[in-house]
Protein backbone atom coordinates (compact mmCIF):
# COMPACT_ATOMS: atom_id res chain seq x y z
CA UNK A 1 16.60 24.92 12.26
CA UNK A 2 14.58 25.27 15.28
CA UNK A 3 12.66 22.61 17.30
CA UNK A 4 8.87 24.10 16.37
CA UNK A 5 9.93 23.94 12.38
CA UNK A 6 10.88 20.30 13.16
CA UNK A 7 7.97 19.07 14.16
CA UNK A 8 6.04 21.59 11.29
CA UNK A 9 8.09 19.54 8.81
CA UNK A 10 7.42 16.24 10.97
CA UNK A 11 3.35 17.04 11.04
CA UNK A 12 3.75 18.04 7.29
CA UNK A 13 5.25 14.49 6.13
CA UNK A 14 3.34 11.86 8.53
CA UNK A 15 0.05 13.77 8.88
CA UNK A 16 -2.27 12.90 5.96
CA UNK A 17 -0.71 9.06 6.49
CA UNK A 18 -1.33 9.22 10.78
CA UNK A 19 -4.98 10.50 10.01
CA UNK A 20 -6.29 8.13 7.64
CA UNK A 21 -4.91 5.35 9.66
CA UNK A 22 -6.01 6.74 13.15
CA UNK A 23 -9.55 7.43 11.49
CA UNK A 24 -9.69 3.31 10.83
CA UNK A 25 -7.77 2.58 13.98
CA UNK A 26 -4.44 1.08 12.48
CA UNK A 27 -2.47 3.80 13.47
CA UNK A 28 0.58 1.94 15.38
CA UNK A 29 1.08 4.13 18.58
CA UNK A 30 1.65 3.75 22.32
CA UNK A 31 -0.29 5.77 24.45
CA UNK A 32 -0.84 5.83 28.18
CA UNK A 33 -4.19 7.88 27.81
CA UNK A 34 -6.73 4.66 28.05
CA UNK A 35 -9.59 7.13 26.64
CA UNK A 36 -7.18 7.07 23.37
CA UNK A 37 -6.53 3.71 23.46
CA UNK A 38 -9.78 2.15 23.82
CA UNK A 39 -11.15 4.55 20.99
CA UNK A 40 -8.86 3.07 18.72
CA UNK A 41 -9.30 -0.23 19.65
CA UNK A 42 -12.87 0.27 19.00
CA UNK A 43 -12.53 2.24 15.74
CA UNK A 44 -10.24 -0.97 14.47
CA UNK A 45 -12.66 -3.70 15.82
CA UNK A 46 -15.57 -1.39 13.62
CA UNK A 47 -13.18 -0.85 10.80
CA UNK A 48 -13.18 -4.86 10.57
CA UNK A 49 -16.51 -5.20 11.47
CA UNK A 50 -17.80 -3.80 8.93
CA UNK A 51 -15.22 -5.31 6.14
CA UNK A 52 -15.35 -8.11 7.34
CA UNK A 53 -19.54 -9.30 8.01
CA UNK A 54 -21.08 -6.36 5.93
CA UNK A 55 -19.33 -7.12 2.66
CA UNK A 56 -16.18 -9.90 2.84
CA UNK A 57 -18.72 -13.22 4.19
CA UNK A 58 -21.86 -12.38 2.07
CA UNK A 59 -19.59 -12.06 -1.33
CA UNK A 60 -18.43 -15.52 -0.51
CA UNK A 61 -21.56 -15.99 0.20
CA UNK A 62 -23.20 -14.82 -2.83
CA UNK A 63 -19.68 -16.49 -4.61
CA UNK A 64 -20.67 -20.17 -3.80
CA UNK A 65 -24.52 -19.20 -5.03
CA UNK A 66 -23.42 -18.47 -8.22
CA UNK A 67 -20.97 -21.45 -8.72
CA UNK A 68 -21.20 -22.84 -11.75
CA UNK A 69 -21.26 -19.71 -14.04
CA UNK A 70 -18.61 -18.46 -15.12
CA UNK A 71 -19.38 -14.92 -15.61
CA UNK A 72 -21.22 -14.70 -12.05
CA UNK A 73 -17.92 -16.17 -10.73
CA UNK A 74 -16.12 -13.42 -12.56
CA UNK A 75 -18.38 -10.37 -11.54
CA UNK A 76 -18.21 -10.86 -7.76
CA UNK A 77 -14.54 -12.06 -7.45
CA UNK A 78 -13.63 -8.19 -8.46
CA UNK A 79 -15.55 -7.47 -5.37
CA UNK A 80 -14.00 -10.54 -3.34
CA UNK A 81 -10.82 -10.62 -4.11
CA UNK A 82 -10.38 -6.75 -2.98
CA UNK A 83 -12.14 -7.61 0.03
CA UNK A 84 -10.27 -10.63 1.05
CA UNK A 85 -6.94 -8.47 0.87
CA UNK A 86 -8.29 -5.73 2.61
CA UNK A 87 -8.89 -7.93 5.46
CA UNK A 88 -5.56 -9.91 5.03
CA UNK A 89 -4.49 -5.68 5.67
CA UNK A 90 -6.12 -4.89 8.46
CA UNK A 91 -4.33 -7.74 10.18
CA UNK A 92 -1.36 -7.83 9.51
CA UNK A 93 -1.35 -4.03 10.36
CA UNK A 94 -3.09 -4.98 13.68
CA UNK A 95 -0.42 -8.12 14.49
CA UNK A 96 2.66 -6.45 13.53
CA UNK A 97 1.83 -3.35 15.50
CA UNK A 98 4.73 -3.21 17.61
CA UNK A 99 7.30 -3.74 14.97
CA UNK A 100 5.56 -0.43 13.08
CA UNK A 101 5.73 0.95 16.60
CA UNK A 102 9.56 0.73 15.90
CA UNK A 103 9.28 2.56 12.28
CA UNK A 104 6.98 5.08 13.14
CA UNK A 105 9.59 6.00 16.35
CA UNK A 106 12.36 6.01 14.29
CA UNK A 107 10.41 8.60 11.96
CA UNK A 108 9.75 11.06 14.39
CA UNK A 109 13.13 10.81 15.52
CA UNK A 110 14.87 11.30 12.16
CA UNK A 111 12.29 14.80 11.82
CA UNK A 112 12.80 16.18 15.14
CA UNK A 113 16.63 15.82 15.22
CA UNK A 114 18.79 18.91 14.38
CA UNK A 115 20.05 18.11 10.78
CA UNK A 116 21.94 19.99 7.69
CA UNK A 117 19.73 21.95 5.11
CA UNK A 118 20.84 19.76 2.75
CA UNK A 119 20.29 16.16 4.88
CA UNK A 120 16.27 18.24 5.45
CA UNK A 121 16.15 19.11 1.19
CA UNK A 122 16.12 15.49 0.90
CA UNK A 123 13.73 14.16 3.35
CA UNK A 124 11.13 16.72 2.37
CA UNK A 125 11.42 15.55 -0.89
CA UNK A 126 10.52 11.90 -0.30
CA UNK A 127 7.81 13.23 2.06
CA UNK A 128 6.35 15.61 -1.06
CA UNK A 129 6.30 12.38 -3.06
CA UNK A 130 4.67 10.12 -0.31
CA UNK A 131 1.96 12.64 -0.17
CA UNK A 132 1.24 12.92 -4.06
CA UNK A 133 0.71 9.44 -3.98
CA UNK A 134 -1.65 9.43 -1.36
CA UNK A 135 -3.49 11.83 -2.45
CA UNK A 136 -3.40 10.34 -6.18
CA UNK A 137 -4.43 6.89 -4.69
CA UNK A 138 -7.37 8.59 -2.87
CA UNK A 139 -8.50 10.46 -5.38
CA UNK A 140 -8.93 6.97 -7.63
CA UNK A 141 -10.15 4.94 -5.37
CA UNK A 142 -13.08 7.20 -3.75
CA UNK A 143 -14.05 7.68 -7.93
CA UNK A 144 -14.02 3.89 -8.24
CA UNK A 145 -16.24 3.52 -4.76
CA UNK A 146 -18.99 6.53 -5.64
CA UNK A 147 -19.11 5.24 -9.18
CA UNK A 148 -20.18 1.61 -7.99
CA UNK A 149 -22.47 3.63 -5.27
CA UNK A 150 -23.71 6.14 -7.43
CA UNK A 151 -25.05 3.60 -10.47
CA UNK A 152 -28.07 2.65 -7.75
CA UNK A 153 -29.11 6.65 -7.52
CA UNK A 154 -28.82 7.18 -11.58
CA UNK A 155 -31.07 4.05 -11.79
CA UNK A 156 -27.73 2.92 -13.94
CA UNK A 157 -28.44 -0.82 -13.92
CA UNK A 158 -24.78 -1.17 -16.11
CA UNK A 159 -24.21 -4.85 -14.10
CA UNK A 160 -25.14 -7.46 -16.56
CA UNK A 161 -24.59 -10.08 -13.25
CA UNK A 162 -27.49 -9.17 -11.06
CA UNK A 163 -27.16 -9.84 -7.72
CA UNK A 164 -29.49 -12.38 -7.33
CA UNK A 165 -32.36 -9.82 -6.12
CA UNK A 166 -35.03 -7.56 -7.86
CA UNK A 167 -33.70 -5.21 -10.38
CA UNK A 168 -35.52 -2.04 -8.89
CA UNK A 169 -33.60 -3.23 -5.47
CA UNK A 170 -29.99 -3.62 -6.22
CA UNK A 171 -27.01 -3.09 -4.27
CA UNK A 172 -23.84 -2.12 -4.94
CA UNK A 173 -22.12 -5.24 -4.34
CA UNK A 174 -23.27 -8.19 -5.23
CA UNK A 175 -23.66 -10.16 -1.75
CA UNK A 176 -26.31 -12.37 -0.30
CA UNK A 177 -27.68 -11.70 3.05
CA UNK A 178 -29.97 -14.67 5.32
CA UNK A 179 -33.32 -12.17 4.76
CA UNK A 180 -35.09 -10.74 2.16
CA UNK A 181 -33.21 -6.89 1.35
CA UNK A 182 -36.02 -5.55 -1.36
CA UNK A 183 -38.21 -4.50 1.69
CA UNK A 184 -38.24 -1.35 2.96
CA UNK A 185 -36.57 0.00 5.93
CA UNK A 186 -34.29 -3.72 5.18
CA UNK A 187 -33.10 -2.51 1.94
CA UNK A 188 -32.12 1.03 2.85
CA UNK A 189 -30.26 -0.41 6.32
CA UNK A 190 -28.99 -2.78 3.69
CA UNK A 191 -27.86 -0.16 1.07
CA UNK A 192 -26.10 2.22 4.04
CA UNK A 193 -24.43 -0.75 5.39
CA UNK A 194 -22.47 -2.07 2.29
CA UNK A 195 -21.68 2.24 1.93
CA UNK A 196 -20.15 2.70 5.34
CA UNK A 197 -18.17 -1.01 4.14
CA UNK A 198 -16.93 0.07 1.21
CA UNK A 199 -15.52 3.88 2.56
CA UNK A 200 -13.58 1.70 4.87
CA UNK A 201 -12.54 -1.18 2.62
CA UNK A 202 -11.45 2.07 -0.03
CA UNK A 203 -9.29 4.02 3.47
CA UNK A 204 -7.86 0.68 4.62
CA UNK A 205 -6.47 -0.67 0.88
CA UNK A 206 -5.09 3.34 0.60
CA UNK A 207 -3.83 3.82 4.26
CA UNK A 208 -1.92 0.99 4.39
CA UNK A 209 -0.47 0.95 0.94
CA UNK A 210 0.80 3.84 1.29
CA UNK A 211 2.30 3.63 4.78
CA UNK A 212 4.05 0.68 3.33
CA UNK A 213 5.58 3.38 0.92
CA UNK A 214 5.79 6.13 3.58
CA UNK A 215 7.99 3.82 5.31
CA UNK A 216 10.29 2.58 2.46
CA UNK A 217 11.40 6.02 1.24
CA UNK A 218 11.89 7.45 4.23
CA UNK A 219 14.60 4.61 4.68
CA UNK A 220 15.95 5.71 0.73
CA UNK A 221 16.07 9.80 1.87
CA UNK A 222 17.63 8.61 5.07
CA UNK A 223 19.96 6.29 3.16
CA UNK A 224 20.79 9.33 0.47
CA UNK A 225 21.99 11.67 3.27
CA UNK A 226 24.27 8.47 4.65
CA UNK A 227 25.72 8.63 1.00
CA UNK A 228 26.25 12.82 0.72
CA UNK A 229 28.04 12.25 4.30
CA UNK A 230 30.28 9.28 3.13
CA UNK A 231 31.22 11.40 0.03
CA UNK A 232 33.19 13.61 2.41
CA UNK A 233 33.72 11.65 5.18
CA UNK A 234 37.76 12.04 4.00
CA UNK A 235 37.00 15.79 4.26
CA UNK A 236 36.33 15.85 7.99
CA UNK A 237 38.65 16.16 10.41
CA UNK A 238 37.29 13.82 12.65
CA UNK A 239 36.92 11.14 10.70
CA UNK A 240 36.96 8.31 13.25
CA UNK A 241 34.03 9.72 15.13
CA UNK A 242 31.47 10.57 11.61
CA UNK A 243 32.41 7.11 10.73
CA UNK A 244 31.24 5.45 13.47
CA UNK A 245 28.23 7.73 13.82
CA UNK A 246 28.03 6.49 9.86
CA UNK A 247 28.05 2.83 10.36
CA UNK A 248 25.54 3.31 12.95
CA UNK A 249 23.41 4.76 11.24
CA UNK A 250 23.84 3.02 8.44
CA UNK A 251 22.78 -0.53 10.28
CA UNK A 252 19.69 0.72 11.98
CA UNK A 253 18.60 1.63 8.56
CA UNK A 254 19.59 -1.98 7.56
CA UNK A 255 17.45 -3.48 10.56
CA UNK A 256 14.83 -0.98 9.40
CA UNK A 257 14.09 -2.93 5.85
CA UNK A 258 14.57 -6.37 7.46
CA UNK A 259 11.52 -5.53 10.07
CA UNK A 260 9.41 -3.71 7.29
CA UNK A 261 9.98 -7.10 4.63
CA UNK A 262 8.76 -9.17 7.91
CA UNK A 263 5.46 -6.88 8.46
CA UNK A 264 4.46 -7.19 4.81
CA UNK A 265 6.57 -9.86 2.92
CA UNK A 266 3.56 -11.90 3.74
CA UNK A 267 0.80 -9.18 2.11
CA UNK A 268 3.66 -8.33 -0.76
CA UNK A 269 2.71 -12.25 -1.82
CA UNK A 270 -1.05 -11.84 -1.44
CA UNK A 271 -0.90 -9.05 -3.21
CA UNK A 272 0.91 -10.60 -6.30
CA UNK A 273 -1.45 -12.84 -6.76
CA UNK A 274 -4.44 -10.75 -5.97
CA UNK A 275 -2.95 -8.17 -9.04
CA UNK A 276 -2.57 -10.95 -11.30
CA UNK A 277 -5.96 -12.25 -11.26
CA UNK A 278 -8.09 -8.91 -10.67
CA UNK A 279 -6.29 -7.09 -13.21
CA UNK A 280 -6.92 -9.98 -15.82
CA UNK A 281 -10.53 -10.35 -14.41
CA UNK A 282 -11.04 -6.14 -15.44
CA UNK A 283 -10.05 -6.85 -19.15
CA UNK A 284 -11.78 -9.82 -19.33
CA UNK A 285 -15.24 -7.66 -18.70
CA UNK A 286 -14.23 -5.22 -20.39
CA UNK A 287 -13.25 -7.08 -23.61
CA UNK A 288 -16.32 -9.24 -22.91
CA UNK A 289 -18.79 -6.34 -23.30
CA UNK A 290 -16.78 -4.46 -26.52
CA UNK A 291 -16.96 -7.88 -28.59
CA UNK A 292 -20.91 -8.70 -27.39
CA UNK A 293 -21.29 -4.98 -28.57
CA UNK A 294 -22.19 -3.62 -25.22
CA UNK A 295 -23.11 -0.34 -24.63
CA UNK A 296 -21.15 0.69 -21.35
CA UNK A 297 -22.77 3.43 -19.08
CA UNK A 298 -20.60 6.31 -18.00
CA UNK A 299 -20.84 4.94 -14.60
CA UNK A 300 -19.68 1.63 -16.02
CA UNK A 301 -16.91 2.93 -17.84
CA UNK A 302 -15.69 5.40 -14.69
CA UNK A 303 -15.62 1.67 -12.62
CA UNK A 304 -13.58 -0.20 -14.56
CA UNK A 305 -11.12 3.13 -15.43
CA UNK A 306 -10.71 3.69 -11.80
CA UNK A 307 -10.55 0.92 -10.10
CA UNK A 308 -8.01 -0.79 -13.15
CA UNK A 309 -5.75 2.80 -12.30
CA UNK A 310 -5.93 2.21 -8.54
CA UNK A 311 -4.77 -1.28 -8.93
CA UNK A 312 -1.91 -0.75 -11.23
CA UNK A 313 -0.76 2.45 -9.42
CA UNK A 314 -0.74 0.38 -6.62
CA UNK A 315 1.18 -2.30 -7.29
CA UNK A 316 3.37 -0.35 -9.00
CA UNK A 317 3.96 1.64 -6.08
CA UNK A 318 5.59 -1.62 -4.47
CA UNK A 319 7.85 -2.33 -7.06
CA UNK A 320 8.78 1.37 -7.89
CA UNK A 321 9.72 2.04 -4.14
CA UNK A 322 11.48 -1.60 -3.87
CA UNK A 323 13.45 -0.61 -7.03
CA UNK A 324 14.75 2.07 -5.53
CA UNK A 325 15.65 1.21 -1.91
CA UNK A 326 17.92 -1.59 -4.25
CA UNK A 327 19.21 1.35 -6.21
CA UNK A 328 20.05 3.75 -2.80
CA UNK A 329 21.74 0.39 -1.14
CA UNK A 330 24.12 0.34 -4.28
CA UNK A 331 24.51 4.24 -3.80
CA UNK A 332 25.89 3.72 -0.39
CA UNK A 333 28.44 0.72 -1.63
CA UNK A 334 29.26 2.46 -4.26
CA UNK A 335 30.29 6.03 -2.28
CA UNK A 336 32.56 4.15 -0.12
CA UNK A 337 35.17 3.80 -2.90
CA UNK A 338 34.12 7.13 -4.00
CA UNK A 339 35.40 8.61 -0.57
CA UNK A 340 39.14 9.94 -0.75
CA UNK A 341 40.58 7.15 0.97
CA UNK A 342 43.81 7.31 -0.08
CA UNK A 343 44.57 10.54 1.57
CA UNK A 344 43.98 9.26 4.88
CA UNK A 345 46.11 6.57 7.25
CA UNK A 346 46.14 2.92 6.32
CA UNK A 347 44.05 1.93 10.04
CA UNK A 348 41.23 4.93 8.74
CA UNK A 349 40.78 3.67 5.81
CA UNK A 350 40.44 0.27 6.88
CA UNK A 351 37.61 0.86 8.78
CA UNK A 352 35.92 1.89 5.81
CA UNK A 353 35.14 -1.96 5.21
CA UNK A 354 32.56 -1.93 7.70
CA UNK A 355 30.49 -0.15 5.34
CA UNK A 356 31.40 -2.00 2.43
CA UNK A 357 30.68 -5.17 3.75
CA UNK A 358 27.29 -4.10 5.25
CA UNK A 359 26.26 -2.94 1.31
CA UNK A 360 27.37 -5.21 0.06
CA UNK A 361 24.16 -7.59 0.42
CA UNK A 362 21.64 -5.88 -1.35
CA UNK A 363 18.24 -4.75 0.57
CA UNK A 364 15.30 -5.17 -0.69
CA UNK A 365 11.23 -5.89 0.02
CA UNK A 366 10.29 -9.24 -0.92
CA UNK A 367 6.88 -11.20 -2.17
CA UNK A 368 7.20 -14.04 0.93
CA UNK A 369 11.16 -13.69 1.56
CA UNK A 370 10.60 -15.47 -2.13
CA UNK A 371 10.12 -12.73 -4.95
CA UNK A 372 11.89 -9.07 -4.34
CA UNK A 373 9.65 -6.10 -5.48
CA UNK A 374 11.51 -4.63 -8.25
CA UNK A 375 10.07 -2.75 -11.69
CA UNK A 376 10.84 -6.36 -13.26
CA UNK A 377 9.02 -7.81 -11.37
CA UNK A 378 6.10 -5.53 -12.27
CA UNK A 379 6.33 -6.27 -15.63
CA UNK A 380 6.50 -9.95 -14.80
CA UNK A 381 3.34 -9.19 -13.34
CA UNK A 382 1.81 -7.47 -16.77
CA UNK A 383 2.34 -10.27 -18.64
CA UNK A 384 1.08 -13.29 -16.14
CA UNK A 385 -1.66 -11.01 -15.95
CA UNK A 386 -1.80 -11.29 -19.80
CA UNK A 387 -1.64 -15.09 -19.66
CA UNK A 388 -4.49 -15.53 -17.80
CA UNK A 389 -6.73 -12.85 -19.43
CA UNK A 390 -5.63 -14.95 -22.80
CA UNK A 391 -6.93 -18.25 -21.36
CA UNK A 392 -10.50 -16.53 -19.80
CA UNK A 393 -10.94 -15.66 -22.85
CA UNK A 394 -10.37 -19.36 -24.59
CA UNK A 395 -12.69 -20.72 -22.52
CA UNK A 396 -15.11 -18.26 -23.10
CA UNK A 397 -15.09 -18.76 -26.66
């Protein structure tokens, strides 16, 4: 493979993720160009300002204002919780940018180094998965944003809870501002500001989640390549040199997983609570509307469907890639036993224990260093959400 093809593979694999994160100023990069550094910080500050001051703080003010009314609180929380989680994502990506820079540099080196076609095919397969997940995530998230913003244009005032403003001057998100938003041009400017903030939140939410998926699936791809090399290790004439390379590569991947877990474990802990609460709130609002024989409009059904699918898919993404990481680690542990060590000299075979010891402890990403992100955790989250939903329905009745 020539150098140009290697760089083309790199651009194809990470181009979409890098573009989205660069738009919101969160792509970890080290540039000596002061002009690029300034505009990267400017985009990040603009994005953070739009999220915090245009939507998050006014939504929290609205939550305080309606406190005591169960339905209005739930209606508010379905927006306030994503705003708070997205703010946490911005903070973590910015605070951990040094550690994340090491991971992005590792990805670039892995794609641009010389490798066998078999290894390249494995990496392309993982990259294809991350690109597909990103596109699906963008589609459902943007659909949710458009369904919310478009309801005002089409006069579909579908939300049973008013945001304490004039009915004819409804805003997309229930918020409270310290000025009269019903008069022109304040209403139009506020609506525009909320639109910008909504797309900033949607872009940040999807980009950070899929960036985490990119990191973990890339490590999984490298582990799969390591597994293939270990299976053929005993047949290699230069056993010691190849084994030394594989041991170093395995240690590198273990450290990469530790960096990922250290950077994102707090976010994943927040996402567990966020998913459990928000998924039950969506179910409560839908079931309440059905029980009261309320006719749901197209925009309302579109909002609940797209927002619910996006939330479910991104939470499942965390758990699925975590499960895949554990499986790949177990395959490496098994590969050292499947290697034809019995044909080697005793001293050479003994060196395999280095990889055996390193692979004995399963690698996983965790939520707050407490809960491993696996599919069993995802099933437990669904059960927890169902429990919260039952409790809300009981309180309502």
